[in-house]
Structures are given as C-alpha cells and as structure tokens.
Amino acid sequence: MHKGSCLCGAVTFTVEGDLAAPTACHCTKCRKHTGHYEAGTDVKRSALTVSGEENVTWFWSSEKVRRGFCATCGSSLFFDPPQRDWIGIYMGAFDTPTHVKLAMHIFVADKGDYYDIADGLPQNQQ
C-alpha cells in the first residue's frame, strides 16, 4: 500500500498494489499546473481511496481531462481523464517510498528553456 497527501493534510489517499513506473510530462499545461514538469503514475480507480475528497477542487484543463488539487493549500494531486478506468497521481504527493523510477519523458518539445533533460531516459517529442 502507498500513502500520500497534500501539503496541509486536508486530502490524504492510499493506493493498493504496486505503482507503475512514472512518466515526466513537460507539456505547457502540466508545467503551468505544477510549477515545473509533472511526474506521475497511473493507477486503477479501484485501487485509489481518497479521504477529504470534499477538499479536492477539480479544474477542467481540456475537454477530456481534469486536474485535482487541494482547495486549502493548492497542492497538485491528480490528473483525471474521467472516461478512462485509471487516474494519474503526481509523484510528489506520495508520503511513503514508492520504489519506482522514472521511465520516460513526454512532450519534451514543449519543455521549459530553463532546464535540460540529461538523465538518459527515453524522450518523446509528443
């Protein structure tokens, strides 16, 4: 089981089972939402339990995806395409060791000009 929370603790969550290797998204929307690039893992909805869900505010960043953050402290927590059977969780929200390593970078054509990607992982332009 993996546990996580927002910065203030108003939202906590648990994930049953192992986590998939996360990806790092460098698209403009993820960078704007998180303040840098976003690293997240996708989990089955049935594996996620959220406490304090009333403190999660959802922002529709496109017609197909909404992003969840804590209404109290503003912590970015979730990337949710409601039509899918999974939900993304931002790696920085986990409290416990995750025992996973970043798998790849996506949307690197949109990355910020203030950093380089030099970790040797695969990079997809889109």
N, C-alpha and C. Protein backbone atom coordinates (compact mmCIF):
# COMPACT_ATOMS: atom_id res chain seq x y z
N MET A 1 0.85 -1.17 0.00
CA MET A 1 0.00 0.00 0.00
C MET A 1 0.89 1.24 0.00
N HIS A 2 0.47 2.23 -0.75
CA HIS A 2 1.18 3.50 -0.82
C HIS A 2 0.26 4.59 -0.28
N LYS A 3 0.84 5.48 0.51
CA LYS A 3 0.06 6.58 1.10
C LYS A 3 0.56 7.91 0.57
N GLY A 4 -0.34 8.89 0.58
CA GLY A 4 0.05 10.22 0.14
C GLY A 4 -0.89 11.27 0.69
N SER A 5 -0.53 12.52 0.45
CA SER A 5 -1.35 13.62 0.94
C SER A 5 -0.96 14.92 0.26
N CYS A 6 -1.79 15.92 0.48
CA CYS A 6 -1.44 17.27 0.07
C CYS A 6 -0.53 17.88 1.13
N LEU A 7 -0.07 19.07 0.92
CA LEU A 7 0.85 19.74 1.84
C LEU A 7 0.25 19.96 3.22
N CYS A 8 -1.02 20.33 3.28
CA CYS A 8 -1.65 20.64 4.58
C CYS A 8 -2.30 19.44 5.24
N GLY A 9 -2.47 18.34 4.52
CA GLY A 9 -3.07 17.13 5.08
C GLY A 9 -4.58 17.06 4.99
N ALA A 10 -5.22 18.05 4.36
CA ALA A 10 -6.67 18.02 4.22
C ALA A 10 -7.13 16.91 3.29
N VAL A 11 -6.26 16.52 2.36
CA VAL A 11 -6.55 15.42 1.44
C VAL A 11 -5.48 14.36 1.65
N THR A 12 -5.91 13.13 1.93
CA THR A 12 -5.00 12.00 2.02
C THR A 12 -5.51 10.91 1.09
N PHE A 13 -4.62 10.01 0.71
CA PHE A 13 -5.05 8.91 -0.16
C PHE A 13 -4.18 7.70 0.08
N THR A 14 -4.71 6.55 -0.31
CA THR A 14 -3.96 5.31 -0.34
C THR A 14 -4.14 4.66 -1.70
N VAL A 15 -3.14 3.94 -2.13
CA VAL A 15 -3.18 3.17 -3.36
C VAL A 15 -2.81 1.75 -3.01
N GLU A 16 -3.69 0.81 -3.35
CA GLU A 16 -3.43 -0.62 -3.13
C GLU A 16 -2.62 -1.16 -4.30
N GLY A 17 -1.60 -1.93 -4.00
CA GLY A 17 -0.81 -2.57 -5.05
C GLY A 17 0.41 -1.78 -5.45
N ASP A 18 1.12 -2.33 -6.42
CA ASP A 18 2.34 -1.71 -6.92
C ASP A 18 2.02 -0.52 -7.80
N LEU A 19 2.96 0.40 -7.89
CA LEU A 19 2.83 1.55 -8.76
C LEU A 19 3.57 1.30 -10.07
N ALA A 20 2.99 1.79 -11.15
CA ALA A 20 3.66 1.73 -12.45
C ALA A 20 4.78 2.77 -12.47
N ALA A 21 5.79 2.52 -13.27
CA ALA A 21 6.87 3.49 -13.42
C ALA A 21 6.29 4.81 -13.94
N PRO A 22 6.62 5.90 -13.29
CA PRO A 22 6.05 7.19 -13.70
C PRO A 22 6.68 7.74 -14.97
N THR A 23 5.93 8.63 -15.61
CA THR A 23 6.45 9.39 -16.73
C THR A 23 6.53 10.85 -16.30
N ALA A 24 7.40 11.59 -16.96
CA ALA A 24 7.53 13.02 -16.72
C ALA A 24 6.97 13.75 -17.92
N CYS A 25 5.96 14.57 -17.69
CA CYS A 25 5.34 15.32 -18.78
C CYS A 25 5.81 16.77 -18.75
N HIS A 26 6.31 17.23 -19.87
CA HIS A 26 6.86 18.57 -19.99
C HIS A 26 5.94 19.50 -20.78
N CYS A 27 4.68 19.10 -21.00
CA CYS A 27 3.76 19.95 -21.77
C CYS A 27 3.47 21.24 -20.99
N THR A 28 3.04 22.24 -21.71
CA THR A 28 2.78 23.55 -21.11
C THR A 28 1.74 23.47 -20.00
N LYS A 29 0.68 22.70 -20.20
CA LYS A 29 -0.38 22.61 -19.18
C LYS A 29 0.14 21.98 -17.89
N CYS A 30 0.90 20.90 -18.00
CA CYS A 30 1.45 20.27 -16.79
C CYS A 30 2.43 21.20 -16.09
N ARG A 31 3.25 21.90 -16.86
CA ARG A 31 4.20 22.83 -16.24
C ARG A 31 3.47 23.97 -15.53
N LYS A 32 2.42 24.48 -16.14
CA LYS A 32 1.65 25.56 -15.50
C LYS A 32 0.95 25.06 -14.24
N HIS A 33 0.42 23.82 -14.28
CA HIS A 33 -0.33 23.28 -13.15
C HIS A 33 0.58 22.96 -11.95
N THR A 34 1.78 22.46 -12.22
CA THR A 34 2.63 22.01 -11.12
C THR A 34 3.77 22.97 -10.79
N GLY A 35 4.08 23.91 -11.67
CA GLY A 35 5.19 24.81 -11.43
C GLY A 35 6.51 24.33 -12.02
N HIS A 36 6.53 23.16 -12.58
CA HIS A 36 7.70 22.59 -13.25
C HIS A 36 7.15 21.46 -14.11
N TYR A 37 7.95 20.53 -14.54
CA TYR A 37 7.35 19.40 -15.25
C TYR A 37 6.65 18.51 -14.24
N GLU A 38 5.73 17.69 -14.73
CA GLU A 38 4.91 16.83 -13.87
C GLU A 38 5.40 15.40 -13.98
N ALA A 39 5.59 14.75 -12.85
CA ALA A 39 5.91 13.33 -12.83
C ALA A 39 4.76 12.62 -12.15
N GLY A 40 4.18 11.65 -12.84
CA GLY A 40 3.02 10.98 -12.28
C GLY A 40 2.94 9.52 -12.69
N THR A 41 2.14 8.78 -11.92
CA THR A 41 1.88 7.38 -12.20
C THR A 41 0.38 7.19 -12.35
N ASP A 42 -0.01 6.26 -13.18
CA ASP A 42 -1.43 5.97 -13.39
C ASP A 42 -1.81 4.74 -12.59
N VAL A 43 -2.95 4.82 -11.90
CA VAL A 43 -3.44 3.69 -11.10
C VAL A 43 -4.90 3.41 -11.46
N LYS A 44 -5.32 2.19 -11.29
CA LYS A 44 -6.72 1.85 -11.49
C LYS A 44 -7.55 2.60 -10.46
N ARG A 45 -8.69 3.10 -10.90
CA ARG A 45 -9.57 3.84 -9.98
C ARG A 45 -9.92 3.01 -8.75
N SER A 46 -10.11 1.73 -8.96
CA SER A 46 -10.50 0.85 -7.85
C SER A 46 -9.38 0.69 -6.81
N ALA A 47 -8.15 1.03 -7.15
CA ALA A 47 -7.02 0.91 -6.23
C ALA A 47 -6.84 2.16 -5.37
N LEU A 48 -7.51 3.24 -5.72
CA LEU A 48 -7.34 4.52 -5.04
C LEU A 48 -8.47 4.79 -4.05
N THR A 49 -8.11 5.15 -2.83
CA THR A 49 -9.06 5.60 -1.82
C THR A 49 -8.64 6.99 -1.37
N VAL A 50 -9.56 7.94 -1.44
CA VAL A 50 -9.27 9.33 -1.07
C VAL A 50 -10.08 9.70 0.16
N SER A 51 -9.41 10.28 1.15
CA SER A 51 -10.08 10.85 2.32
C SER A 51 -9.95 12.36 2.22
N GLY A 52 -11.02 13.06 2.60
CA GLY A 52 -11.01 14.51 2.45
C GLY A 52 -11.31 14.94 1.03
N GLU A 53 -12.02 14.08 0.31
CA GLU A 53 -12.32 14.36 -1.10
C GLU A 53 -13.07 15.68 -1.28
N GLU A 54 -13.80 16.10 -0.26
CA GLU A 54 -14.52 17.37 -0.33
C GLU A 54 -13.56 18.56 -0.41
N ASN A 55 -12.28 18.33 -0.11
CA ASN A 55 -11.27 19.38 -0.19
C ASN A 55 -10.54 19.40 -1.53
N VAL A 56 -10.91 18.50 -2.44
CA VAL A 56 -10.30 18.47 -3.77
C VAL A 56 -11.13 19.36 -4.69
N THR A 57 -10.46 20.29 -5.33
CA THR A 57 -11.08 21.12 -6.36
C THR A 57 -10.62 20.60 -7.70
N TRP A 58 -11.57 20.51 -8.64
CA TRP A 58 -11.26 19.99 -9.97
C TRP A 58 -11.30 21.12 -10.98
N PHE A 59 -10.27 21.16 -11.84
CA PHE A 59 -10.18 22.13 -12.92
C PHE A 59 -10.10 21.37 -14.23
N TRP A 60 -11.04 21.66 -15.13
CA TRP A 60 -11.03 21.02 -16.45
C TRP A 60 -10.02 21.76 -17.32
N SER A 61 -8.86 21.13 -17.57
CA SER A 61 -7.81 21.76 -18.38
C SER A 61 -7.98 21.48 -19.86
N SER A 62 -8.89 20.58 -20.20
CA SER A 62 -9.26 20.31 -21.59
C SER A 62 -10.63 19.65 -21.56
N GLU A 63 -11.16 19.34 -22.72
CA GLU A 63 -12.47 18.69 -22.78
C GLU A 63 -12.44 17.27 -22.20
N LYS A 64 -11.27 16.66 -22.14
CA LYS A 64 -11.17 15.26 -21.74
C LYS A 64 -10.48 15.04 -20.39
N VAL A 65 -9.85 16.06 -19.84
CA VAL A 65 -9.04 15.87 -18.64
C VAL A 65 -9.31 16.97 -17.62
N ARG A 66 -9.41 16.53 -16.36
CA ARG A 66 -9.49 17.49 -15.26
C ARG A 66 -8.33 17.22 -14.31
N ARG A 67 -7.94 18.25 -13.59
CA ARG A 67 -6.82 18.17 -12.66
C ARG A 67 -7.31 18.49 -11.27
N GLY A 68 -6.92 17.67 -10.31
CA GLY A 68 -7.37 17.84 -8.93
C GLY A 68 -6.28 18.41 -8.05
N PHE A 69 -6.68 19.38 -7.23
CA PHE A 69 -5.74 19.99 -6.30
C PHE A 69 -6.44 20.29 -4.99
N CYS A 70 -5.67 20.45 -3.92
CA CYS A 70 -6.25 20.74 -2.62
C CYS A 70 -6.76 22.17 -2.60
N ALA A 71 -8.02 22.34 -2.19
CA ALA A 71 -8.62 23.67 -2.14
C ALA A 71 -8.03 24.52 -1.02
N THR A 72 -7.39 23.89 -0.04
CA THR A 72 -6.82 24.64 1.08
C THR A 72 -5.39 25.09 0.80
N CYS A 73 -4.51 24.15 0.45
CA CYS A 73 -3.10 24.51 0.27
C CYS A 73 -2.66 24.61 -1.19
N GLY A 74 -3.50 24.15 -2.12
CA GLY A 74 -3.19 24.26 -3.54
C GLY A 74 -2.32 23.16 -4.11
N SER A 75 -1.99 22.14 -3.32
CA SER A 75 -1.13 21.06 -3.82
C SER A 75 -1.76 20.36 -5.01
N SER A 76 -0.98 20.18 -6.07
CA SER A 76 -1.40 19.42 -7.24
C SER A 76 -1.37 17.94 -6.89
N LEU A 77 -2.48 17.23 -7.15
CA LEU A 77 -2.58 15.84 -6.73
C LEU A 77 -2.91 14.86 -7.84
N PHE A 78 -3.92 15.19 -8.67
CA PHE A 78 -4.47 14.20 -9.60
C PHE A 78 -4.59 14.72 -11.02
N PHE A 79 -4.46 13.80 -11.96
CA PHE A 79 -4.68 14.02 -13.38
C PHE A 79 -5.75 13.01 -13.78
N ASP A 80 -6.95 13.49 -14.11
CA ASP A 80 -8.09 12.59 -14.24
C ASP A 80 -8.80 12.70 -15.59
N PRO A 81 -8.65 11.68 -16.44
CA PRO A 81 -9.49 11.55 -17.62
C PRO A 81 -10.70 10.69 -17.24
N PRO A 82 -11.84 11.27 -16.87
CA PRO A 82 -12.96 10.51 -16.31
C PRO A 82 -13.46 9.36 -17.19
N GLN A 83 -13.24 9.42 -18.49
CA GLN A 83 -13.71 8.37 -19.39
C GLN A 83 -12.83 7.13 -19.34
N ARG A 84 -11.70 7.19 -18.64
CA ARG A 84 -10.76 6.06 -18.55
C ARG A 84 -10.96 5.31 -17.24
N ASP A 85 -10.40 4.12 -17.14
CA ASP A 85 -10.51 3.33 -15.91
C ASP A 85 -9.34 3.57 -14.97
N TRP A 86 -8.54 4.59 -15.23
CA TRP A 86 -7.39 4.94 -14.40
C TRP A 86 -7.40 6.42 -14.07
N ILE A 87 -6.61 6.77 -13.07
CA ILE A 87 -6.41 8.17 -12.69
C ILE A 87 -4.92 8.35 -12.43
N GLY A 88 -4.39 9.50 -12.80
CA GLY A 88 -2.98 9.80 -12.55
C GLY A 88 -2.80 10.47 -11.20
N ILE A 89 -1.72 10.10 -10.52
CA ILE A 89 -1.38 10.71 -9.25
C ILE A 89 0.03 11.28 -9.37
N TYR A 90 0.20 12.52 -8.95
CA TYR A 90 1.50 13.17 -9.03
C TYR A 90 2.44 12.58 -7.99
N MET A 91 3.63 12.22 -8.40
CA MET A 91 4.58 11.52 -7.55
C MET A 91 4.94 12.31 -6.30
N GLY A 92 4.98 13.61 -6.38
CA GLY A 92 5.33 14.43 -5.23
C GLY A 92 4.33 14.35 -4.09
N ALA A 93 3.14 13.83 -4.35
CA ALA A 93 2.10 13.74 -3.32
C ALA A 93 2.25 12.49 -2.46
N PHE A 94 3.07 11.53 -2.87
CA PHE A 94 3.23 10.31 -2.08
C PHE A 94 4.07 10.59 -0.84
N ASP A 95 3.62 10.03 0.30
CA ASP A 95 4.33 10.19 1.57
C ASP A 95 5.37 9.09 1.78
N THR A 96 5.13 7.93 1.27
CA THR A 96 5.99 6.78 1.55
C THR A 96 6.92 6.53 0.37
N PRO A 97 8.00 5.80 0.58
CA PRO A 97 8.83 5.43 -0.57
C PRO A 97 7.99 4.68 -1.60
N THR A 98 8.17 5.01 -2.86
CA THR A 98 7.36 4.41 -3.92
C THR A 98 8.03 3.20 -4.56
N HIS A 99 9.33 3.12 -4.48
CA HIS A 99 10.10 2.02 -5.06
C HIS A 99 9.93 1.93 -6.58
N VAL A 100 9.71 3.07 -7.21
CA VAL A 100 9.67 3.14 -8.67
C VAL A 100 10.66 4.19 -9.15
N LYS A 101 11.02 4.08 -10.40
CA LYS A 101 11.93 5.04 -11.03
C LYS A 101 11.26 5.58 -12.28
N LEU A 102 11.56 6.81 -12.61
CA LEU A 102 11.03 7.46 -13.80
C LEU A 102 11.35 6.62 -15.04
N ALA A 103 10.34 6.44 -15.91
CA ALA A 103 10.51 5.60 -17.10
C ALA A 103 10.86 6.39 -18.35
N MET A 104 10.24 7.57 -18.51
CA MET A 104 10.45 8.32 -19.74
C MET A 104 9.94 9.74 -19.60
N HIS A 105 10.29 10.57 -20.58
CA HIS A 105 9.83 11.95 -20.65
C HIS A 105 8.91 12.09 -21.87
N ILE A 106 7.82 12.83 -21.70
CA ILE A 106 6.90 13.07 -22.82
C ILE A 106 6.69 14.57 -23.01
N PHE A 107 6.28 14.92 -24.21
CA PHE A 107 6.05 16.31 -24.61
C PHE A 107 7.30 17.18 -24.38
N VAL A 108 8.46 16.62 -24.68
CA VAL A 108 9.69 17.37 -24.46
C VAL A 108 9.84 18.53 -25.44
N ALA A 109 9.08 18.52 -26.54
CA ALA A 109 9.12 19.66 -27.46
C ALA A 109 8.58 20.92 -26.79
N ASP A 110 7.79 20.76 -25.73
CA ASP A 110 7.21 21.90 -25.01
C ASP A 110 7.96 22.26 -23.74
N LYS A 111 9.05 21.57 -23.43
CA LYS A 111 9.72 21.79 -22.14
C LYS A 111 10.19 23.23 -21.98
N GLY A 112 10.36 23.61 -20.72
CA GLY A 112 10.86 24.94 -20.42
C GLY A 112 12.29 25.10 -20.89
N ASP A 113 12.67 26.34 -21.18
CA ASP A 113 14.02 26.60 -21.66
C ASP A 113 15.03 26.77 -20.53
N TYR A 114 14.59 26.66 -19.30
CA TYR A 114 15.45 26.90 -18.14
C TYR A 114 16.09 25.62 -17.59
N TYR A 115 15.82 24.47 -18.22
CA TYR A 115 16.41 23.22 -17.75
C TYR A 115 16.70 22.30 -18.92
N ASP A 116 17.61 21.35 -18.67
CA ASP A 116 17.95 20.32 -19.64
C ASP A 116 17.49 18.97 -19.11
N ILE A 117 17.24 18.06 -20.02
CA ILE A 117 16.92 16.69 -19.65
C ILE A 117 18.16 15.86 -19.99
N ALA A 118 18.86 15.41 -18.96
CA ALA A 118 20.13 14.74 -19.20
C ALA A 118 20.24 13.43 -18.42
N ASP A 119 19.11 12.78 -18.15
CA ASP A 119 19.16 11.56 -17.35
C ASP A 119 19.27 10.29 -18.19
N GLY A 120 19.29 10.42 -19.52
CA GLY A 120 19.46 9.28 -20.40
C GLY A 120 18.19 8.46 -20.66
N LEU A 121 17.06 8.88 -20.09
CA LEU A 121 15.80 8.16 -20.31
C LEU A 121 15.22 8.52 -21.68
N PRO A 122 14.36 7.66 -22.21
CA PRO A 122 13.72 7.96 -23.50
C PRO A 122 12.95 9.28 -23.43
N GLN A 123 12.98 10.00 -24.56
CA GLN A 123 12.29 11.28 -24.67
C GLN A 123 11.39 11.28 -25.90
N ASN A 124 10.10 11.47 -25.67
CA ASN A 124 9.15 11.59 -26.77
C ASN A 124 8.84 13.06 -26.99
N GLN A 125 8.88 13.48 -28.22
CA GLN A 125 8.59 14.89 -28.52
C GLN A 125 7.15 15.24 -28.16
N GLN A 126 6.24 14.28 -28.34
CA GLN A 126 4.83 14.50 -28.00
C GLN A 126 4.38 13.61 -26.88
